[in-house]
Amino acid sequence: SGVGRDSTLLVADGLRTLIDSIASGEPFTFHPRASERLIQFSHMILRDRIGLTSDQVENCIKPYKYDVEVEPREWEIGRTKTIELFEKELEMCETKLKEIRTKVGGGRRLGNLVQYVKSLEEKEKERKAKLQDNPQAYVNEVEEPDQTPESYRYPPAQIIDGQFSL
């Protein structure tokens, strides 16, 4: 009990929430009984393993329960290496963004592409919300391709690049 149990329960609650959201989405909305069984089965597995897992977490963190002595020199070396890693990661992200900008055709076009991708994501969220509210209404409906002028402006590869740049 203690930190191990608390942290394990926190992770288990997160997993339960994630499983519930997955089971309430497509394609499980068409099979409500399968969704219920999936939720029951996954919650049963989590319940069965929570005790053993919390004990293992407790055993893993025992060395950190005591004060760790770090010399100022070691602390400074760790700090410098951490800063170097963050700067390297930032540089890699900026390089990738520049690469996407040149591939798409400039910063302004990338900005428009990002707005278009966000609108696509919003439409998809709305469609999923409607589907969750009334799954039977969309069973026989054939999805129409987007016929707006923006849908012809960006090729699929650029849309994927726009998603990466988000």
Protein backbone atom coordinates (compact mmCIF):
# COMPACT_ATOMS: atom_id res chain seq x y z
CA SER A 1 0.00 0.00 0.00
CA GLY A 2 1.05 3.61 -0.23
CA VAL A 3 2.61 5.12 -3.30
CA GLY A 4 2.59 1.84 -5.24
CA ARG A 5 -1.11 1.23 -4.68
CA ASP A 6 -2.04 4.87 -5.37
CA SER A 7 -0.04 5.06 -8.59
CA THR A 8 -1.32 1.66 -9.75
CA LEU A 9 -4.93 2.68 -9.07
CA LEU A 10 -4.38 5.92 -10.97
CA VAL A 11 -3.03 4.07 -14.01
CA ALA A 12 -5.81 1.47 -13.79
CA ASP A 13 -8.46 4.22 -13.72
CA GLY A 14 -6.86 5.76 -16.78
CA LEU A 15 -6.88 2.40 -18.56
CA ARG A 16 -10.54 1.84 -17.64
CA THR A 17 -11.46 5.24 -19.05
CA LEU A 18 -9.51 4.55 -22.24
CA ILE A 19 -11.10 1.11 -22.65
CA ASP A 20 -14.58 2.58 -22.09
CA SER A 21 -13.97 5.25 -24.73
CA ILE A 22 -12.65 2.68 -27.22
CA ALA A 23 -15.57 0.33 -26.58
CA SER A 24 -18.09 3.15 -27.05
CA GLY A 25 -16.69 4.07 -30.48
CA GLU A 26 -16.84 2.48 -33.91
CA PRO A 27 -17.17 -0.48 -34.71
CA PHE A 28 -18.45 -1.47 -31.27
CA THR A 29 -21.42 0.91 -31.53
CA PHE A 30 -22.94 -1.53 -34.02
CA HIS A 31 -22.55 -4.40 -31.56
CA PRO A 32 -23.65 -3.21 -28.09
CA ARG A 33 -23.33 -6.69 -26.55
CA ALA A 34 -19.73 -6.99 -27.76
CA SER A 35 -19.00 -3.58 -26.27
CA GLU A 36 -20.40 -4.65 -22.90
CA ARG A 37 -18.41 -7.90 -22.95
CA LEU A 38 -15.21 -6.09 -23.85
CA ILE A 39 -15.66 -3.66 -20.97
CA GLN A 40 -16.50 -6.46 -18.50
CA PHE A 41 -13.56 -8.60 -19.59
CA SER A 42 -11.00 -5.78 -19.48
CA HIS A 43 -12.21 -4.52 -16.08
CA MET A 44 -12.01 -8.07 -14.72
CA ILE A 45 -8.38 -8.38 -15.88
CA LEU A 46 -7.49 -5.04 -14.28
CA ARG A 47 -9.20 -6.03 -11.00
CA ASP A 48 -7.40 -9.37 -10.87
CA ARG A 49 -3.92 -7.93 -11.42
CA ILE A 50 -4.05 -4.73 -9.40
CA GLY A 51 -2.75 -6.25 -6.15
CA LEU A 52 0.27 -7.93 -7.68
CA THR A 53 1.05 -4.87 -9.78
CA SER A 54 0.94 -2.47 -6.83
CA ASP A 55 3.32 -4.75 -4.90
CA GLN A 56 5.72 -4.78 -7.84
CA VAL A 57 5.59 -0.99 -8.12
CA GLU A 58 6.34 -0.70 -4.38
CA ASN A 59 9.37 -2.98 -4.75
CA CYS A 60 10.63 -1.00 -7.73
CA ILE A 61 10.52 2.38 -5.97
CA LYS A 62 12.01 1.30 -2.64
CA PRO A 63 15.53 2.49 -3.54
CA TYR A 64 14.09 5.97 -4.16
CA LYS A 65 12.41 6.23 -0.77
CA TYR A 66 15.67 7.31 0.78
CA ASP A 67 17.55 10.54 0.22
CA VAL A 68 19.92 10.25 -2.68
CA GLU A 69 23.11 12.18 -2.22
CA VAL A 70 24.18 14.05 -5.32
CA GLU A 71 27.27 16.14 -5.43
CA PRO A 72 27.01 19.60 -6.98
CA ARG A 73 29.33 18.57 -9.81
CA GLU A 74 27.16 15.55 -10.67
CA TRP A 75 24.03 17.70 -10.52
CA GLU A 76 25.57 20.26 -12.89
CA ILE A 77 26.66 17.57 -15.36
CA GLY A 78 23.12 16.11 -15.34
CA ARG A 79 21.59 19.54 -15.85
CA THR A 80 23.91 20.33 -18.78
CA LYS A 81 23.18 17.02 -20.49
CA THR A 82 19.46 17.52 -20.03
CA ILE A 83 19.63 20.99 -21.54
CA GLU A 84 21.64 19.62 -24.48
CA LEU A 85 19.03 16.92 -25.07
CA PHE A 86 16.17 19.45 -25.00
CA GLU A 87 18.03 21.73 -27.40
CA LYS A 88 18.71 18.80 -29.74
CA GLU A 89 15.04 17.79 -29.65
CA LEU A 90 13.95 21.38 -30.33
CA GLU A 91 16.38 21.61 -33.25
CA MET A 92 15.03 18.34 -34.70
CA CYS A 93 11.44 19.63 -34.42
CA GLU A 94 12.34 22.94 -36.09
CA THR A 95 14.17 21.11 -38.88
CA LYS A 96 11.16 18.89 -39.51
CA LEU A 97 8.85 21.92 -39.53
CA LYS A 98 11.11 23.68 -42.07
CA GLU A 99 11.11 20.54 -44.19
CA ILE A 100 7.32 20.41 -44.12
CA ARG A 101 7.09 24.13 -44.94
CA THR A 102 9.27 23.72 -48.03
CA LYS A 103 7.43 20.55 -49.06
CA VAL A 104 4.03 22.25 -48.75
CA GLY A 105 5.06 25.50 -50.38
CA GLY A 106 5.71 28.06 -47.65
CA GLY A 107 4.57 29.22 -44.24
CA ARG A 108 1.30 30.81 -45.37
CA ARG A 109 0.23 27.71 -47.28
CA LEU A 110 1.16 25.56 -44.26
CA GLY A 111 -0.97 27.80 -42.04
CA ASN A 112 -3.94 27.35 -44.39
CA LEU A 113 -3.29 23.62 -44.52
CA VAL A 114 -3.23 23.37 -40.73
CA GLN A 115 -6.58 25.23 -40.54
CA TYR A 116 -8.03 22.83 -43.12
CA VAL A 117 -6.74 19.81 -41.17
CA LYS A 118 -8.27 21.19 -37.96
CA SER A 119 -11.62 21.63 -39.74
CA LEU A 120 -11.40 18.02 -40.99
CA GLU A 121 -10.73 16.82 -37.44
CA GLU A 122 -13.71 18.83 -36.14
CA LYS A 123 -15.98 17.32 -38.82
CA GLU A 124 -14.77 13.85 -37.86
CA LYS A 125 -15.46 14.53 -34.16
CA GLU A 126 -18.96 15.75 -34.99
CA ARG A 127 -19.59 12.67 -37.13
CA LYS A 128 -18.44 10.36 -34.33
CA ALA A 129 -20.56 12.23 -31.77
CA LYS A 130 -23.64 11.87 -33.99
CA LEU A 131 -22.83 8.22 -34.49
CA GLN A 132 -22.58 7.63 -30.75
CA ASP A 133 -25.91 9.39 -30.18
CA ASN A 134 -27.74 7.41 -32.86
CA PRO A 135 -25.79 4.46 -34.31
CA GLN A 136 -28.73 3.10 -36.33
CA ALA A 137 -29.13 6.30 -38.35
CA TYR A 138 -25.74 5.82 -40.01
CA VAL A 139 -25.79 2.07 -40.69
CA ASN A 140 -27.06 2.34 -44.26
CA GLU A 141 -25.60 5.75 -45.02
CA VAL A 142 -22.77 5.86 -47.55
CA GLU A 143 -20.12 8.41 -46.68
CA GLU A 144 -19.90 11.13 -49.31
CA PRO A 145 -16.45 12.45 -50.21
CA ASP A 146 -15.79 16.09 -49.37
CA GLN A 147 -16.79 18.22 -52.37
CA THR A 148 -15.77 21.65 -51.04
CA PRO A 149 -13.20 23.65 -53.03
CA GLU A 150 -10.65 23.16 -50.22
CA SER A 151 -10.83 19.38 -50.68
CA TYR A 152 -9.22 19.78 -54.12
CA ARG A 153 -6.64 22.31 -52.95
CA TYR A 154 -4.54 19.91 -50.87
CA PRO A 155 -3.32 16.49 -51.96
CA PRO A 156 -3.60 13.68 -49.36
CA ALA A 157 0.16 13.68 -48.75
CA GLN A 158 0.07 17.37 -47.82
CA ILE A 159 -2.85 16.74 -45.48
CA ILE A 160 -0.72 14.13 -43.70
CA ASP A 161 2.14 16.65 -43.47
CA GLY A 162 -0.32 19.16 -42.00
CA GLN A 163 -1.31 16.64 -39.35
CA PHE A 164 2.36 16.08 -38.47
CA SER A 165 2.97 19.81 -38.17
CA LEU A 166 0.21 20.13 -35.58
